[in-house]
All heavy atoms as atom14 arrays in JSON, in Angstrom:
{
  "sequence": "ADSVKERFTISRDNAKNTAYLQMNNLKSEDTAVY",
  "atom14_mask": [
    [1, 1, 1, 1, 1, 0, 0, 0, 0, 0, 0, 0, 0, 0],
    [1, 1, 1, 1, 1, 1, 1, 1, 0, 0, 0, 0, 0, 0],
    [1, 1, 1, 1, 1, 1, 0, 0, 0, 0, 0, 0, 0, 0],
    [1, 1, 1, 1, 1, 1, 1, 0, 0, 0, 0, 0, 0, 0],
    [1, 1, 1, 1, 1, 1, 1, 1, 1, 0, 0, 0, 0, 0],
    [1, 1, 1, 1, 1, 1, 1, 1, 1, 0, 0, 0, 0, 0],
    [1, 1, 1, 1, 1, 1, 1, 1, 1, 1, 1, 0, 0, 0],
    [1, 1, 1, 1, 1, 1, 1, 1, 1, 1, 1, 0, 0, 0],
    [1, 1, 1, 1, 1, 1, 1, 0, 0, 0, 0, 0, 0, 0],
    [1, 1, 1, 1, 1, 1, 1, 1, 0, 0, 0, 0, 0, 0],
    [1, 1, 1, 1, 1, 1, 0, 0, 0, 0, 0, 0, 0, 0],
    [1, 1, 1, 1, 1, 1, 1, 1, 1, 1, 1, 0, 0, 0],
    [1, 1, 1, 1, 1, 1, 1, 1, 0, 0, 0, 0, 0, 0],
    [1, 1, 1, 1, 1, 1, 1, 1, 0, 0, 0, 0, 0, 0],
    [1, 1, 1, 1, 1, 0, 0, 0, 0, 0, 0, 0, 0, 0],
    [1, 1, 1, 1, 1, 1, 1, 1, 1, 0, 0, 0, 0, 0],
    [1, 1, 1, 1, 1, 1, 1, 1, 0, 0, 0, 0, 0, 0],
    [1, 1, 1, 1, 1, 1, 1, 0, 0, 0, 0, 0, 0, 0],
    [1, 1, 1, 1, 1, 0, 0, 0, 0, 0, 0, 0, 0, 0],
    [1, 1, 1, 1, 1, 1, 1, 1, 1, 1, 1, 1, 0, 0],
    [1, 1, 1, 1, 1, 1, 1, 1, 0, 0, 0, 0, 0, 0],
    [1, 1, 1, 1, 1, 1, 1, 1, 1, 0, 0, 0, 0, 0],
    [1, 1, 1, 1, 1, 1, 1, 1, 0, 0, 0, 0, 0, 0],
    [1, 1, 1, 1, 1, 1, 1, 1, 0, 0, 0, 0, 0, 0],
    [1, 1, 1, 1, 1, 1, 1, 1, 0, 0, 0, 0, 0, 0],
    [1, 1, 1, 1, 1, 1, 1, 1, 0, 0, 0, 0, 0, 0],
    [1, 1, 1, 1, 1, 1, 1, 1, 1, 0, 0, 0, 0, 0],
    [1, 1, 1, 1, 1, 1, 0, 0, 0, 0, 0, 0, 0, 0],
    [1, 1, 1, 1, 1, 1, 1, 1, 1, 0, 0, 0, 0, 0],
    [1, 1, 1, 1, 1, 1, 1, 1, 0, 0, 0, 0, 0, 0],
    [1, 1, 1, 1, 1, 1, 1, 0, 0, 0, 0, 0, 0, 0],
    [1, 1, 1, 1, 1, 0, 0, 0, 0, 0, 0, 0, 0, 0],
    [1, 1, 1, 1, 1, 1, 1, 0, 0, 0, 0, 0, 0, 0],
    [1, 1, 1, 1, 1, 1, 1, 1, 1, 1, 1, 1, 0, 0]
  ],
  "atom14_positions": [
    [[19.68, 13.04, -17.85], [19.02, 12.93, -19.1], [18.31, 11.54, -19.03], [18.85, 10.63, -18.58], [20.04, 13.04, -20.25], [0.0, 0.0, 0.0], [0.0, 0.0, 0.0], [0.0, 0.0, 0.0], [0.0, 0.0, 0.0], [0.0, 0.0, 0.0], [0.0, 0.0, 0.0], [0.0, 0.0, 0.0], [0.0, 0.0, 0.0], [0.0, 0.0, 0.0]],
    [[17.22, 11.5, -19.75], [16.45, 10.26, -19.79], [17.33, 9.07, -20.53], [17.1, 7.96, -20.1], [15.16, 10.41, -20.61], [14.15, 11.26, -19.85], [14.31, 11.35, -18.61], [13.18, 11.76, -20.58], [0.0, 0.0, 0.0], [0.0, 0.0, 0.0], [0.0, 0.0, 0.0], [0.0, 0.0, 0.0], [0.0, 0.0, 0.0], [0.0, 0.0, 0.0]],
    [[18.13, 9.45, -21.32], [18.92, 8.43, -22.05], [20.0, 7.71, -21.2], [20.4, 6.67, -21.51], [19.64, 9.15, -23.27], [20.54, 10.11, -22.8], [0.0, 0.0, 0.0], [0.0, 0.0, 0.0], [0.0, 0.0, 0.0], [0.0, 0.0, 0.0], [0.0, 0.0, 0.0], [0.0, 0.0, 0.0], [0.0, 0.0, 0.0], [0.0, 0.0, 0.0]],
    [[20.29, 8.37, -20.09], [21.27, 7.76, -19.16], [20.82, 7.39, -17.77], [21.5, 6.65, -16.98], [22.55, 8.67, -19.01], [23.14, 9.04, -20.35], [22.17, 9.91, -18.21], [0.0, 0.0, 0.0], [0.0, 0.0, 0.0], [0.0, 0.0, 0.0], [0.0, 0.0, 0.0], [0.0, 0.0, 0.0], [0.0, 0.0, 0.0], [0.0, 0.0, 0.0]],
    [[19.59, 7.81, -17.45], [19.05, 7.42, -16.16], [19.04, 5.95, -15.95], [18.7, 5.18, -16.86], [17.62, 8.06, -16.1], [17.03, 8.1, -14.71], [15.76, 8.85, -14.71], [15.18, 8.97, -13.29], [13.97, 9.75, -13.23], [0.0, 0.0, 0.0], [0.0, 0.0, 0.0], [0.0, 0.0, 0.0], [0.0, 0.0, 0.0], [0.0, 0.0, 0.0]],
    [[19.31, 5.55, -14.71], [19.43, 4.09, -14.36], [20.69, 3.5, -14.75], [20.95, 2.3, -14.29], [18.2, 3.3, -14.83], [16.83, 3.92, -14.47], [16.6, 4.1, -13.01], [17.19, 3.33, -12.17], [15.77, 5.01, -12.61], [0.0, 0.0, 0.0], [0.0, 0.0, 0.0], [0.0, 0.0, 0.0], [0.0, 0.0, 0.0], [0.0, 0.0, 0.0]],
    [[21.54, 4.13, -15.56], [22.75, 3.6, -15.94], [23.93, 4.41, -15.48], [24.98, 3.83, -15.11], [22.84, 3.42, -17.49], [21.83, 2.49, -18.13], [22.17, 2.25, -19.6], [22.02, 3.57, -20.36], [23.02, 4.0, -21.04], [24.28, 3.42, -21.13], [22.8, 5.18, -21.77], [0.0, 0.0, 0.0], [0.0, 0.0, 0.0], [0.0, 0.0, 0.0]],
    [[23.82, 5.72, -15.47], [24.83, 6.67, -15.06], [24.44, 7.2, -13.64], [23.41, 7.36, -13.29], [24.97, 7.81, -16.07], [25.5, 7.42, -17.37], [25.68, 6.16, -17.75], [25.89, 8.46, -18.18], [26.13, 5.8, -19.03], [26.38, 8.19, -19.49], [26.48, 6.86, -19.89], [0.0, 0.0, 0.0], [0.0, 0.0, 0.0], [0.0, 0.0, 0.0]],
    [[25.5, 7.4, -12.84], [25.44, 8.05, -11.6], [26.43, 9.19, -11.4], [27.59, 8.94, -11.58], [25.6, 7.04, -10.39], [24.63, 5.94, -10.59], [25.38, 7.66, -9.06], [0.0, 0.0, 0.0], [0.0, 0.0, 0.0], [0.0, 0.0, 0.0], [0.0, 0.0, 0.0], [0.0, 0.0, 0.0], [0.0, 0.0, 0.0], [0.0, 0.0, 0.0]],
    [[25.93, 10.35, -11.13], [26.73, 11.52, -10.89], [26.98, 11.63, -9.37], [26.0, 11.46, -8.56], [26.24, 12.85, -11.5], [27.23, 13.97, -11.38], [24.86, 13.19, -10.88], [26.84, 15.16, -12.14], [0.0, 0.0, 0.0], [0.0, 0.0, 0.0], [0.0, 0.0, 0.0], [0.0, 0.0, 0.0], [0.0, 0.0, 0.0], [0.0, 0.0, 0.0]],
    [[28.13, 11.99, -8.93], [28.48, 12.18, -7.54], [29.58, 13.29, -7.39], [30.09, 13.69, -8.45], [28.9, 10.86, -6.85], [29.98, 10.35, -7.42], [0.0, 0.0, 0.0], [0.0, 0.0, 0.0], [0.0, 0.0, 0.0], [0.0, 0.0, 0.0], [0.0, 0.0, 0.0], [0.0, 0.0, 0.0], [0.0, 0.0, 0.0], [0.0, 0.0, 0.0]],
    [[29.78, 13.65, -6.18], [30.94, 14.64, -6.05], [31.49, 14.54, -4.66], [30.9, 14.02, -3.7], [30.32, 16.01, -6.22], [29.31, 16.49, -5.12], [28.65, 17.8, -5.59], [29.66, 18.9, -5.61], [29.42, 20.11, -6.15], [28.2, 20.36, -6.67], [30.41, 21.05, -6.12], [0.0, 0.0, 0.0], [0.0, 0.0, 0.0], [0.0, 0.0, 0.0]],
    [[32.74, 14.99, -4.59], [33.46, 15.03, -3.35], [33.96, 16.53, -3.21], [34.96, 16.8, -3.79], [34.67, 14.0, -3.35], [35.4, 13.98, -2.07], [35.24, 14.99, -1.29], [36.09, 13.0, -1.84], [0.0, 0.0, 0.0], [0.0, 0.0, 0.0], [0.0, 0.0, 0.0], [0.0, 0.0, 0.0], [0.0, 0.0, 0.0], [0.0, 0.0, 0.0]],
    [[33.25, 17.21, -2.4], [33.59, 18.67, -2.3], [34.86, 18.93, -1.63], [35.57, 19.97, -1.85], [32.47, 19.33, -1.57], [31.15, 19.41, -2.3], [31.16, 19.21, -3.56], [30.04, 19.58, -1.6], [0.0, 0.0, 0.0], [0.0, 0.0, 0.0], [0.0, 0.0, 0.0], [0.0, 0.0, 0.0], [0.0, 0.0, 0.0], [0.0, 0.0, 0.0]],
    [[35.41, 17.99, -0.79], [36.71, 18.17, -0.17], [37.76, 18.07, -1.18], [38.87, 18.72, -1.0], [36.9, 17.08, 0.94], [0.0, 0.0, 0.0], [0.0, 0.0, 0.0], [0.0, 0.0, 0.0], [0.0, 0.0, 0.0], [0.0, 0.0, 0.0], [0.0, 0.0, 0.0], [0.0, 0.0, 0.0], [0.0, 0.0, 0.0], [0.0, 0.0, 0.0]],
    [[37.54, 17.4, -2.34], [38.45, 17.3, -3.36], [38.15, 18.13, -4.62], [38.83, 18.11, -5.6], [38.58, 15.86, -3.84], [39.06, 14.91, -2.76], [39.13, 13.51, -3.24], [39.63, 12.51, -2.16], [39.65, 11.16, -2.59], [0.0, 0.0, 0.0], [0.0, 0.0, 0.0], [0.0, 0.0, 0.0], [0.0, 0.0, 0.0], [0.0, 0.0, 0.0]],
    [[37.03, 18.94, -4.54], [36.54, 19.72, -5.63], [36.42, 18.89, -6.89], [36.78, 19.23, -8.03], [37.55, 20.87, -5.93], [37.47, 21.95, -4.83], [36.55, 22.02, -4.14], [38.57, 22.78, -4.79], [0.0, 0.0, 0.0], [0.0, 0.0, 0.0], [0.0, 0.0, 0.0], [0.0, 0.0, 0.0], [0.0, 0.0, 0.0], [0.0, 0.0, 0.0]],
    [[35.88, 17.72, -6.7], [35.8, 16.71, -7.73], [34.35, 16.23, -7.94], [33.66, 15.88, -7.05], [36.72, 15.58, -7.52], [38.1, 16.03, -7.29], [36.75, 14.57, -8.6], [0.0, 0.0, 0.0], [0.0, 0.0, 0.0], [0.0, 0.0, 0.0], [0.0, 0.0, 0.0], [0.0, 0.0, 0.0], [0.0, 0.0, 0.0], [0.0, 0.0, 0.0]],
    [[33.99, 16.03, -9.21], [32.76, 15.38, -9.56], [33.12, 14.14, -10.34], [34.1, 14.04, -11.09], [31.93, 16.33, -10.5], [0.0, 0.0, 0.0], [0.0, 0.0, 0.0], [0.0, 0.0, 0.0], [0.0, 0.0, 0.0], [0.0, 0.0, 0.0], [0.0, 0.0, 0.0], [0.0, 0.0, 0.0], [0.0, 0.0, 0.0], [0.0, 0.0, 0.0]],
    [[32.15, 13.22, -10.26], [32.35, 11.91, -10.85], [31.06, 11.54, -11.76], [30.05, 11.95, -11.54], [32.59, 10.79, -9.93], [33.69, 11.04, -8.97], [33.46, 11.57, -7.64], [35.01, 10.7, -9.28], [34.54, 11.88, -6.8], [36.07, 10.98, -8.4], [35.76, 11.48, -7.11], [36.87, 11.72, -6.28], [0.0, 0.0, 0.0], [0.0, 0.0, 0.0]],
    [[31.34, 10.73, -12.7], [30.25, 10.18, -13.51], [30.54, 8.62, -13.67], [31.46, 8.35, -14.4], [30.09, 10.87, -14.8], [28.94, 10.44, -15.66], [27.58, 10.85, -15.0], [29.01, 10.9, -17.09], [0.0, 0.0, 0.0], [0.0, 0.0, 0.0], [0.0, 0.0, 0.0], [0.0, 0.0, 0.0], [0.0, 0.0, 0.0], [0.0, 0.0, 0.0]],
    [[29.84, 7.86, -12.9], [29.91, 6.46, -13.08], [29.0, 6.03, -14.16], [27.76, 6.29, -14.11], [29.48, 5.75, -11.76], [29.58, 4.26, -11.81], [30.94, 3.67, -12.0], [31.87, 4.13, -11.3], [31.11, 2.75, -12.92], [0.0, 0.0, 0.0], [0.0, 0.0, 0.0], [0.0, 0.0, 0.0], [0.0, 0.0, 0.0], [0.0, 0.0, 0.0]],
    [[29.55, 5.41, -15.18], [28.76, 4.99, -16.34], [28.79, 3.5, -16.43], [29.84, 2.87, -16.61], [29.32, 5.56, -17.58], [29.45, 7.1, -17.61], [30.09, 7.85, -19.12], [31.73, 7.13, -19.16], [0.0, 0.0, 0.0], [0.0, 0.0, 0.0], [0.0, 0.0, 0.0], [0.0, 0.0, 0.0], [0.0, 0.0, 0.0], [0.0, 0.0, 0.0]],
    [[27.6, 2.88, -16.3], [27.43, 1.43, -16.32], [26.62, 1.1, -17.57], [25.8, 1.87, -18.15], [26.79, 0.92, -15.08], [27.62, 1.16, -13.86], [28.79, 1.12, -13.82], [26.91, 1.33, -12.67], [0.0, 0.0, 0.0], [0.0, 0.0, 0.0], [0.0, 0.0, 0.0], [0.0, 0.0, 0.0], [0.0, 0.0, 0.0], [0.0, 0.0, 0.0]],
    [[26.82, -0.27, -17.96], [26.12, -0.73, -19.07], [26.16, 0.19, -20.25], [25.16, 0.61, -20.91], [24.59, -0.99, -18.75], [23.88, -1.75, -19.83], [24.49, -2.57, -20.55], [22.58, -1.59, -19.79], [0.0, 0.0, 0.0], [0.0, 0.0, 0.0], [0.0, 0.0, 0.0], [0.0, 0.0, 0.0], [0.0, 0.0, 0.0], [0.0, 0.0, 0.0]],
    [[27.27, 0.6, -20.66], [27.56, 1.54, -21.73], [27.01, 0.97, -23.07], [27.14, -0.24, -23.35], [28.99, 1.91, -21.85], [29.63, 2.88, -20.77], [30.97, 2.87, -20.68], [29.02, 4.26, -21.09], [0.0, 0.0, 0.0], [0.0, 0.0, 0.0], [0.0, 0.0, 0.0], [0.0, 0.0, 0.0], [0.0, 0.0, 0.0], [0.0, 0.0, 0.0]],
    [[26.52, 1.87, -23.84], [25.93, 1.56, -25.2], [26.7, 2.32, -26.24], [27.3, 3.27, -25.94], [24.48, 1.96, -25.21], [23.64, 1.17, -24.15], [22.22, 1.66, -24.24], [21.35, 1.01, -23.13], [19.94, 1.44, -23.19], [0.0, 0.0, 0.0], [0.0, 0.0, 0.0], [0.0, 0.0, 0.0], [0.0, 0.0, 0.0], [0.0, 0.0, 0.0]],
    [[26.62, 1.8, -27.42], [27.3, 2.5, -28.51], [26.89, 3.93, -28.71], [27.66, 4.82, -29.03], [27.08, 1.77, -29.86], [25.74, 1.68, -30.2], [0.0, 0.0, 0.0], [0.0, 0.0, 0.0], [0.0, 0.0, 0.0], [0.0, 0.0, 0.0], [0.0, 0.0, 0.0], [0.0, 0.0, 0.0], [0.0, 0.0, 0.0], [0.0, 0.0, 0.0]],
    [[25.55, 4.21, -28.37], [25.12, 5.56, -28.52], [25.59, 6.59, -27.42], [25.37, 7.71, -27.43], [23.67, 5.66, -28.45], [22.88, 4.89, -27.35], [22.5, 3.43, -27.73], [23.3, 2.84, -28.45], [21.46, 3.0, -27.32], [0.0, 0.0, 0.0], [0.0, 0.0, 0.0], [0.0, 0.0, 0.0], [0.0, 0.0, 0.0], [0.0, 0.0, 0.0]],
    [[26.41, 5.99, -26.46], [27.02, 6.74, -25.45], [28.33, 7.34, -25.95], [28.95, 8.16, -25.31], [27.29, 5.99, -24.17], [25.98, 5.56, -23.52], [25.01, 6.34, -23.45], [25.9, 4.42, -23.02], [0.0, 0.0, 0.0], [0.0, 0.0, 0.0], [0.0, 0.0, 0.0], [0.0, 0.0, 0.0], [0.0, 0.0, 0.0], [0.0, 0.0, 0.0]],
    [[28.79, 6.92, -27.07], [30.04, 7.4, -27.64], [30.05, 8.87, -27.83], [29.16, 9.38, -28.54], [30.38, 6.71, -28.98], [30.56, 5.31, -28.76], [31.63, 7.22, -29.58], [0.0, 0.0, 0.0], [0.0, 0.0, 0.0], [0.0, 0.0, 0.0], [0.0, 0.0, 0.0], [0.0, 0.0, 0.0], [0.0, 0.0, 0.0], [0.0, 0.0, 0.0]],
    [[30.9, 9.63, -27.23], [30.92, 11.04, -27.42], [32.16, 11.59, -26.57], [32.84, 10.86, -25.9], [29.72, 11.65, -26.8], [0.0, 0.0, 0.0], [0.0, 0.0, 0.0], [0.0, 0.0, 0.0], [0.0, 0.0, 0.0], [0.0, 0.0, 0.0], [0.0, 0.0, 0.0], [0.0, 0.0, 0.0], [0.0, 0.0, 0.0], [0.0, 0.0, 0.0]],
    [[32.48, 12.85, -26.8], [33.37, 13.53, -25.97], [32.51, 13.99, -24.72], [31.5, 14.7, -24.88], [34.07, 14.72, -26.6], [34.95, 15.45, -25.66], [34.88, 14.2, -27.73], [0.0, 0.0, 0.0], [0.0, 0.0, 0.0], [0.0, 0.0, 0.0], [0.0, 0.0, 0.0], [0.0, 0.0, 0.0], [0.0, 0.0, 0.0], [0.0, 0.0, 0.0]],
    [[32.99, 13.67, -23.52], [32.23, 14.08, -22.31], [32.93, 15.22, -21.72], [34.19, 15.25, -21.41], [32.28, 12.88, -21.32], [31.21, 11.83, -21.69], [31.37, 11.04, -22.75], [30.04, 11.73, -20.96], [30.49, 10.18, -23.18], [29.01, 10.79, -21.31], [29.33, 9.99, -22.41], [28.29, 9.09, -22.84], [0.0, 0.0, 0.0], [0.0, 0.0, 0.0]]
  ]
}
């Protein structure tokens, strides 16, 4: 999403069936249930 680009990074480890969301420089408007 444009609102998180350059701040958030999505990645995954298929061996672990796991996805990640690295969130940097968080802002108040990022407050939510993810």
